[in-house]
C-alpha cells in the first residue's frame, strides 16, 4: 500500500523496507521538481525569484543535476575526476544561474544524472556501501547519500513552490 497522491508522481509505500522507502521518497521528490516545471517555457523557467538572487526553477534543476552527479557518481561510485556540469571549479551557486540555459539542455543533463544515480543505487550491495566525501574528509554510506538527496529535494521543492506560484499562481503539492 502506498500514499494516495492524485497525480502522476510515484507514491511512497506506507509499509516498505528501508531501501524501497528511501528509493520511493527520492523518486517522489525528483518527480515533484519536474512537476513544478511542467507546462513552462524557457523564459518562465529562467524567471528569477528576486534581485540579486539568480534563483529560478531551471537553476534548481541545474543544481539538482549537479547534486545527483556529485553524491552518486563522484562520492558513491568514486568517479573522482568527473567534471562538474555547470562550473569548472565546482561552485554550486553557479548552477543556479540558468540565464543562458534551455529547458532541453538542463532536463537532459538532470535526467541523465538521475538515471546514473538509480543505476548506482540498484547495483550497490547494500545501503552500507560507502564512498568518500572529500569536503567532509569522511566516508559516507549510500543510506546517508539517499537521505541527503531527499533532504535537498524537499528543501528545493519548497523553493520551487514559491517560484511557480510567482510565475502563474499554480500552488500545491
C-alpha atoms as a PDB file:
ATOM      1  CA  UNK A   1       0.000   0.000   0.000  1.00  0.00           C
ATOM      2  CA  UNK A   2       1.243   3.491  -0.812  1.00  0.00           C
ATOM      3  CA  UNK A   3       0.413   7.102  -0.101  1.00  0.00           C
ATOM      4  CA  UNK A   4      -2.574   8.300  -2.213  1.00  0.00           C
ATOM      5  CA  UNK A   5      -1.458  11.288  -4.313  1.00  0.00           C
ATOM      6  CA  UNK A   6      -3.971  12.106  -7.030  1.00  0.00           C
ATOM      7  CA  UNK A   7      -1.211  12.909  -9.548  1.00  0.00           C
ATOM      8  CA  UNK A   8       1.421  11.058 -11.592  1.00  0.00           C
ATOM      9  CA  UNK A   9       4.255  11.069  -9.048  1.00  0.00           C
ATOM     10  CA  UNK A  10       5.402   7.709  -7.656  1.00  0.00           C
ATOM     11  CA  UNK A  11       3.699   7.094  -4.342  1.00  0.00           C
ATOM     12  CA  UNK A  12       5.975   6.136  -1.436  1.00  0.00           C
ATOM     13  CA  UNK A  13       4.954   2.920   0.352  1.00  0.00           C
ATOM     14  CA  UNK A  14       3.245   3.081   3.713  1.00  0.00           C
ATOM     15  CA  UNK A  15       4.912  -0.185   4.769  1.00  0.00           C
ATOM     16  CA  UNK A  16       8.050  -0.799   2.748  1.00  0.00           C
ATOM     17  CA  UNK A  17      11.503  -1.909   3.711  1.00  0.00           C
ATOM     18  CA  UNK A  18      14.190   0.727   4.260  1.00  0.00           C
ATOM     19  CA  UNK A  19      15.681   0.672   0.775  1.00  0.00           C
ATOM     20  CA  UNK A  20      12.330   0.587  -1.007  1.00  0.00           C
ATOM     21  CA  UNK A  21      11.128   3.528   1.098  1.00  0.00           C
ATOM     22  CA  UNK A  22      14.255   5.625   0.532  1.00  0.00           C
ATOM     23  CA  UNK A  23      14.153   4.904  -3.198  1.00  0.00           C
ATOM     24  CA  UNK A  24      10.452   5.800  -3.425  1.00  0.00           C
ATOM     25  CA  UNK A  25      10.775   9.056  -1.467  1.00  0.00           C
ATOM     26  CA  UNK A  26      13.750  10.120  -3.565  1.00  0.00           C
ATOM     27  CA  UNK A  27      11.830   9.401  -6.776  1.00  0.00           C
ATOM     28  CA  UNK A  28       8.775  11.184  -5.353  1.00  0.00           C
ATOM     29  CA  UNK A  29      10.820  14.333  -4.752  1.00  0.00           C
ATOM     30  CA  UNK A  30      12.502  14.102  -8.155  1.00  0.00           C
ATOM     31  CA  UNK A  31       9.062  13.900  -9.761  1.00  0.00           C
ATOM     32  CA  UNK A  32       7.839  16.828  -7.652  1.00  0.00           C
ATOM     33  CA  UNK A  33      10.585  19.091  -9.007  1.00  0.00           C
ATOM     34  CA  UNK A  34       9.745  18.033 -12.570  1.00  0.00           C
ATOM     35  CA  UNK A  35       6.033  18.625 -11.871  1.00  0.00           C
ATOM     36  CA  UNK A  36       6.770  22.188 -10.675  1.00  0.00           C
ATOM     37  CA  UNK A  37       8.337  22.889 -14.082  1.00  0.00           C
ATOM     38  CA  UNK A  38       5.614  21.297 -16.230  1.00  0.00           C
ATOM     39  CA  UNK A  39       3.994  23.447 -18.862  1.00  0.00           C
ATOM     40  CA  UNK A  40       6.504  26.295 -18.619  1.00  0.00           C
ATOM     41  CA  UNK A  41       8.723  27.573 -21.402  1.00  0.00           C
ATOM     42  CA  UNK A  42      12.362  28.597 -21.168  1.00  0.00           C
ATOM     43  CA  UNK A  43      11.614  32.211 -20.287  1.00  0.00           C
ATOM     44  CA  UNK A  44       9.356  31.323 -17.347  1.00  0.00           C
ATOM     45  CA  UNK A  45      11.765  28.632 -16.148  1.00  0.00           C
ATOM     46  CA  UNK A  46      14.546  31.240 -16.089  1.00  0.00           C
ATOM     47  CA  UNK A  47      12.446  33.847 -14.245  1.00  0.00           C
ATOM     48  CA  UNK A  48      14.346  34.846 -11.105  1.00  0.00           C
ATOM     49  CA  UNK A  49      12.837  34.992  -7.659  1.00  0.00           C
ATOM     50  CA  UNK A  50      14.071  38.456  -6.664  1.00  0.00           C
ATOM     51  CA  UNK A  51      17.202  40.540  -7.176  1.00  0.00           C
ATOM     52  CA  UNK A  52      20.034  39.964  -6.573  1.00  0.00           C
ATOM     53  CA  UNK A  53      19.271  36.230  -6.417  1.00  0.00           C
ATOM     54  CA  UNK A  54      19.756  34.161  -9.553  1.00  0.00           C
ATOM     55  CA  UNK A  55      17.385  31.503  -8.178  1.00  0.00           C
ATOM     56  CA  UNK A  56      14.892  30.213 -10.738  1.00  0.00           C
ATOM     57  CA  UNK A  57      13.185  26.898 -11.499  1.00  0.00           C
ATOM     58  CA  UNK A  58      15.662  25.999 -14.218  1.00  0.00           C
ATOM     59  CA  UNK A  59      18.505  26.860 -11.845  1.00  0.00           C
ATOM     60  CA  UNK A  60      17.059  24.489  -9.250  1.00  0.00           C
ATOM     61  CA  UNK A  61      17.038  21.687 -11.812  1.00  0.00           C
ATOM     62  CA  UNK A  62      20.637  22.524 -12.798  1.00  0.00           C
ATOM     63  CA  UNK A  63      21.626  22.491  -9.137  1.00  0.00           C
ATOM     64  CA  UNK A  64      19.969  19.137  -8.511  1.00  0.00           C
ATOM     65  CA  UNK A  65      21.688  17.641 -11.571  1.00  0.00           C
ATOM     66  CA  UNK A  66      24.981  18.712 -10.018  1.00  0.00           C
ATOM     67  CA  UNK A  67      23.968  17.333  -6.607  1.00  0.00           C
ATOM     68  CA  UNK A  68      22.947  13.957  -8.101  1.00  0.00           C
ATOM     69  CA  UNK A  69      26.219  13.817 -10.057  1.00  0.00           C
ATOM     70  CA  UNK A  70      28.361  14.698  -7.057  1.00  0.00           C
ATOM     71  CA  UNK A  71      26.825  12.392  -4.470  1.00  0.00           C
ATOM     72  CA  UNK A  72      26.129   9.321  -6.570  1.00  0.00           C
ATOM     73  CA  UNK A  73      28.891   9.394  -9.188  1.00  0.00           C
ATOM     74  CA  UNK A  74      31.768  11.265  -7.540  1.00  0.00           C
ATOM     75  CA  UNK A  75      31.192  10.048  -3.965  1.00  0.00           C
ATOM     76  CA  UNK A  76      29.472   6.632  -4.028  1.00  0.00           C
ATOM     77  CA  UNK A  77      30.792   5.439  -7.397  1.00  0.00           C
ATOM     78  CA  UNK A  78      34.188   7.104  -6.796  1.00  0.00           C
ATOM     79  CA  UNK A  79      34.377   8.791 -10.203  1.00  0.00           C
ATOM     80  CA  UNK A  80      36.807  11.307  -8.706  1.00  0.00           C
ATOM     81  CA  UNK A  81      37.892  13.012 -11.955  1.00  0.00           C
ATOM     82  CA  UNK A  82      34.358  13.555 -13.233  1.00  0.00           C
ATOM     83  CA  UNK A  83      33.987  17.228 -14.166  1.00  0.00           C
ATOM     84  CA  UNK A  84      31.188  19.367 -12.810  1.00  0.00           C
ATOM     85  CA  UNK A  85      28.319  20.110 -15.168  1.00  0.00           C
ATOM     86  CA  UNK A  86      27.932  23.851 -14.729  1.00  0.00           C
ATOM     87  CA  UNK A  87      31.105  25.077 -13.074  1.00  0.00           C
ATOM     88  CA  UNK A  88      34.768  24.452 -13.760  1.00  0.00           C
ATOM     89  CA  UNK A  89      35.563  24.796 -10.069  1.00  0.00           C
ATOM     90  CA  UNK A  90      32.538  23.072  -8.514  1.00  0.00           C
ATOM     91  CA  UNK A  91      30.724  26.201  -7.358  1.00  0.00           C
ATOM     92  CA  UNK A  92      27.156  25.086  -6.701  1.00  0.00           C
ATOM     93  CA  UNK A  93      25.952  28.699  -6.752  1.00  0.00           C
ATOM     94  CA  UNK A  94      26.907  28.907 -10.427  1.00  0.00           C
ATOM     95  CA  UNK A  95      24.394  26.156 -11.123  1.00  0.00           C
ATOM     96  CA  UNK A  96      21.568  28.454 -10.059  1.00  0.00           C
ATOM     97  CA  UNK A  97      22.359  30.932 -12.840  1.00  0.00           C
ATOM     98  CA  UNK A  98      20.401  29.473 -15.742  1.00  0.00           C
ATOM     99  CA  UNK A  99      20.261  32.724 -17.723  1.00  0.00           C
ATOM    100  CA  UNK A 100      21.690  31.124 -20.871  1.00  0.00           C
ATOM    101  CA  UNK A 101      20.253  27.630 -20.458  1.00  0.00           C
ATOM    102  CA  UNK A 102      17.275  25.979 -22.094  1.00  0.00           C
ATOM    103  CA  UNK A 103      14.806  23.505 -20.683  1.00  0.00           C
ATOM    104  CA  UNK A 104      16.023  20.885 -23.163  1.00  0.00           C
ATOM    105  CA  UNK A 105      19.687  21.238 -22.120  1.00  0.00           C
ATOM    106  CA  UNK A 106      19.033  21.252 -18.404  1.00  0.00           C
ATOM    107  CA  UNK A 107      16.437  18.491 -18.259  1.00  0.00           C
ATOM    108  CA  UNK A 108      18.561  16.248 -20.495  1.00  0.00           C
ATOM    109  CA  UNK A 109      21.504  16.643 -18.089  1.00  0.00           C
ATOM    110  CA  UNK A 110      19.349  16.219 -14.963  1.00  0.00           C
ATOM    111  CA  UNK A 111      17.539  13.141 -16.294  1.00  0.00           C
ATOM    112  CA  UNK A 112      20.873  11.565 -17.268  1.00  0.00           C
ATOM    113  CA  UNK A 113      22.252  12.138 -13.762  1.00  0.00           C
ATOM    114  CA  UNK A 114      19.092  10.708 -12.182  1.00  0.00           C
ATOM    115  CA  UNK A 115      19.481   7.571 -14.319  1.00  0.00           C
ATOM    116  CA  UNK A 116      23.149   7.235 -13.297  1.00  0.00           C
ATOM    117  CA  UNK A 117      22.108   7.624  -9.644  1.00  0.00           C
ATOM    118  CA  UNK A 118      19.390   4.983  -9.972  1.00  0.00           C
ATOM    119  CA  UNK A 119      21.827   2.552 -11.589  1.00  0.00           C
ATOM    120  CA  UNK A 120      24.467   3.113  -8.897  1.00  0.00           C
ATOM    121  CA  UNK A 121      21.906   2.623  -6.126  1.00  0.00           C
ATOM    122  CA  UNK A 122      20.477  -0.535  -7.744  1.00  0.00           C
ATOM    123  CA  UNK A 123      23.929  -2.058  -8.215  1.00  0.00           C
ATOM    124  CA  UNK A 124      25.047  -1.342  -4.650  1.00  0.00           C
ATOM    125  CA  UNK A 125      25.028  -4.465  -2.470  1.00  0.00           C
ATOM    126  CA  UNK A 126      23.516  -2.638   0.482  1.00  0.00           C
ATOM    127  CA  UNK A 127      22.795   0.780   1.954  1.00  0.00           C
ATOM    128  CA  UNK A 128      26.015   0.372   3.949  1.00  0.00           C
ATOM    129  CA  UNK A 129      28.189   0.765   0.833  1.00  0.00           C
ATOM    130  CA  UNK A 130      30.440   3.755   1.431  1.00  0.00           C
ATOM    131  CA  UNK A 131      32.084   6.437  -0.625  1.00  0.00           C
ATOM    132  CA  UNK A 132      34.441   9.216   0.339  1.00  0.00           C
ATOM    133  CA  UNK A 133      33.165  12.795   0.504  1.00  0.00           C
ATOM    134  CA  UNK A 134      36.260  14.977   0.203  1.00  0.00           C
ATOM    135  CA  UNK A 135      34.662  18.184   1.511  1.00  0.00           C
ATOM    136  CA  UNK A 136      33.904  16.467   4.837  1.00  0.00           C
ATOM    137  CA  UNK A 137      37.003  14.254   4.655  1.00  0.00           C
ATOM    138  CA  UNK A 138      34.760  11.359   5.684  1.00  0.00           C
ATOM    139  CA  UNK A 139      33.358   8.130   4.334  1.00  0.00           C
ATOM    140  CA  UNK A 140      29.584   8.259   3.907  1.00  0.00           C
ATOM    141  CA  UNK A 141      27.092   5.440   3.379  1.00  0.00           C
ATOM    142  CA  UNK A 142      24.691   5.095   0.481  1.00  0.00           C
ATOM    143  CA  UNK A 143      21.940   5.367   3.118  1.00  0.00           C
ATOM    144  CA  UNK A 144      23.221   8.822   4.142  1.00  0.00           C
ATOM    145  CA  UNK A 145      23.542   9.887   0.497  1.00  0.00           C
ATOM    146  CA  UNK A 146      19.949   8.914  -0.243  1.00  0.00           C
ATOM    147  CA  UNK A 147      18.697  10.700   2.876  1.00  0.00           C
ATOM    148  CA  UNK A 148      20.769  13.758   1.971  1.00  0.00           C
ATOM    149  CA  UNK A 149      19.278  13.834  -1.533  1.00  0.00           C
ATOM    150  CA  UNK A 150      15.753  13.511  -0.133  1.00  0.00           C
ATOM    151  CA  UNK A 151      16.542  16.474   2.125  1.00  0.00           C
ATOM    152  CA  UNK A 152      17.992  18.507  -0.778  1.00  0.00           C
ATOM    153  CA  UNK A 153      14.985  17.865  -2.993  1.00  0.00           C
ATOM    154  CA  UNK A 154      12.465  18.556  -0.222  1.00  0.00           C
ATOM    155  CA  UNK A 155      14.159  21.856   0.612  1.00  0.00           C
ATOM    156  CA  UNK A 156      14.413  22.966  -3.006  1.00  0.00           C
ATOM    157  CA  UNK A 157      10.904  21.780  -3.829  1.00  0.00           C
ATOM    158  CA  UNK A 158       9.748  24.319  -1.251  1.00  0.00           C
ATOM    159  CA  UNK A 159      11.630  26.973  -3.221  1.00  0.00           C
ATOM    160  CA  UNK A 160      10.057  25.620  -6.409  1.00  0.00           C
ATOM    161  CA  UNK A 161       6.574  26.052  -4.869  1.00  0.00           C
ATOM    162  CA  UNK A 162       7.181  29.774  -4.366  1.00  0.00           C
ATOM    163  CA  UNK A 163       8.849  30.254  -7.741  1.00  0.00           C
ATOM    164  CA  UNK A 164       5.999  28.542  -9.597  1.00  0.00           C
ATOM    165  CA  UNK A 165       3.366  30.499  -7.695  1.00  0.00           C
ATOM    166  CA  UNK A 166       5.132  33.711  -8.660  1.00  0.00           C
ATOM    167  CA  UNK A 167       5.087  32.757 -12.337  1.00  0.00           C
ATOM    168  CA  UNK A 168       1.487  31.713 -12.854  1.00  0.00           C
ATOM    169  CA  UNK A 169      -0.188  31.260  -9.485  1.00  0.00           C
ATOM    170  CA  UNK A 170      -0.014  27.442  -9.538  1.00  0.00           C
ATOM    171  CA  UNK A 171       0.344  26.112  -5.994  1.00  0.00           C
ATOM    172  CA  UNK A 172       0.170  22.774  -4.238  1.00  0.00           C
ATOM    173  CA  UNK A 173       1.929  19.507  -3.617  1.00  0.00           C
END
